[in-house]
Amino acid sequence: MQITIKARFTNQILVTGDYESIKDAVEKNRASLDRASLEGASLDRANLYGANLNCANLYGASLEGANLYRASLDRASLEGA
């Protein structure tokens, strides 16, 4: 399926392409998700090792069992995640 991930504040396209799911897109593009808008994303058991999620909007995202080891989450919105 076609997935597009945009920047939280500017709507600039950060990631676009054919992926199995939003989780697949996020896992394959961990290094380029600074300021990503991932509100409500289903990221259960996602491998986000070392992901750059600075200033990302993860409001209401499902992160149960996700690997966030060494992930950068400075100023990320995690309310309800």
Protein backbone atom coordinates (compact mmCIF):
# COMPACT_ATOMS: atom_id res chain seq x y z
CA MET A 1 0.00 0.00 0.00
CA GLN A 2 1.07 3.57 -0.62
CA ILE A 3 2.32 5.22 2.61
CA THR A 4 3.23 8.88 3.05
CA ILE A 5 4.69 10.26 6.27
CA LYS A 6 4.75 14.03 6.55
CA ALA A 7 6.52 16.44 8.88
CA ARG A 8 4.53 17.44 11.93
CA PHE A 9 4.71 21.21 11.49
CA THR A 10 5.36 21.80 7.78
CA ASN A 11 3.61 18.89 6.02
CA GLN A 12 6.85 18.29 4.10
CA ILE A 13 6.95 14.69 2.84
CA LEU A 14 9.56 12.73 4.81
CA VAL A 15 8.78 9.23 3.53
CA THR A 16 6.67 8.00 0.65
CA GLY A 17 6.42 4.67 -1.13
CA ASP A 18 4.88 1.21 -1.18
CA TYR A 19 5.04 -0.53 2.19
CA GLU A 20 3.15 -3.36 3.87
CA SER A 21 2.01 -1.02 6.67
CA ILE A 22 2.84 2.21 8.49
CA LYS A 23 4.94 0.08 10.85
CA ASP A 24 6.94 -1.26 7.89
CA ALA A 25 7.51 2.28 6.57
CA VAL A 26 8.65 3.55 9.98
CA GLU A 27 11.00 0.61 10.57
CA LYS A 28 12.63 1.01 7.16
CA ASN A 29 13.09 4.78 7.54
CA ARG A 30 14.11 5.11 11.20
CA ALA A 31 16.90 7.58 10.50
CA SER A 32 14.69 10.14 8.75
CA LEU A 33 11.68 10.57 11.04
CA ASP A 34 12.65 13.82 12.76
CA ARG A 35 9.40 15.82 13.28
CA ALA A 36 7.29 13.04 11.73
CA SER A 37 3.53 13.07 12.19
CA LEU A 38 2.69 9.56 13.43
CA GLU A 39 -0.43 10.37 15.43
CA GLY A 40 -2.43 7.22 16.17
CA ALA A 41 -0.01 4.95 14.27
CA SER A 42 -0.04 1.25 15.09
CA LEU A 43 3.61 0.54 15.92
CA ASP A 44 3.21 -2.44 18.26
CA ARG A 45 6.39 -4.53 18.33
CA ALA A 46 8.09 -2.17 15.84
CA ASN A 47 11.87 -2.24 15.76
CA LEU A 48 12.67 1.43 16.32
CA TYR A 49 16.21 0.83 17.56
CA GLY A 50 18.14 4.09 17.14
CA ALA A 51 15.21 5.84 15.44
CA ASN A 52 15.35 9.61 15.09
CA LEU A 53 11.94 10.64 16.44
CA ASN A 54 12.91 14.10 17.74
CA CYS A 55 9.85 16.38 17.84
CA ALA A 56 7.72 13.60 16.32
CA ASN A 57 4.00 13.53 17.01
CA LEU A 58 3.23 10.09 18.48
CA TYR A 59 0.02 11.20 20.18
CA GLY A 60 -2.20 8.15 20.62
CA ALA A 61 0.25 5.86 18.80
CA SER A 62 0.29 2.23 19.87
CA LEU A 63 3.84 1.30 20.92
CA GLU A 64 3.27 -1.86 22.96
CA GLY A 65 6.38 -4.03 22.83
CA ALA A 66 8.18 -1.62 20.47
CA ASN A 67 11.98 -1.55 20.67
CA LEU A 68 12.87 2.07 21.46
CA TYR A 69 16.42 1.31 22.62
CA ARG A 70 18.70 4.22 21.68
CA ALA A 71 15.80 5.99 19.95
CA SER A 72 15.99 9.77 20.08
CA LEU A 73 12.70 11.18 21.39
CA ASP A 74 13.69 14.73 22.38
CA ARG A 75 10.57 16.93 22.50
CA ALA A 76 8.43 14.19 20.95
CA SER A 77 4.72 14.24 21.75
CA LEU A 78 3.98 10.94 23.52
CA GLU A 79 0.66 11.81 25.14
CA GLY A 80 -1.67 8.85 24.99
CA ALA A 81 1.00 6.62 23.44
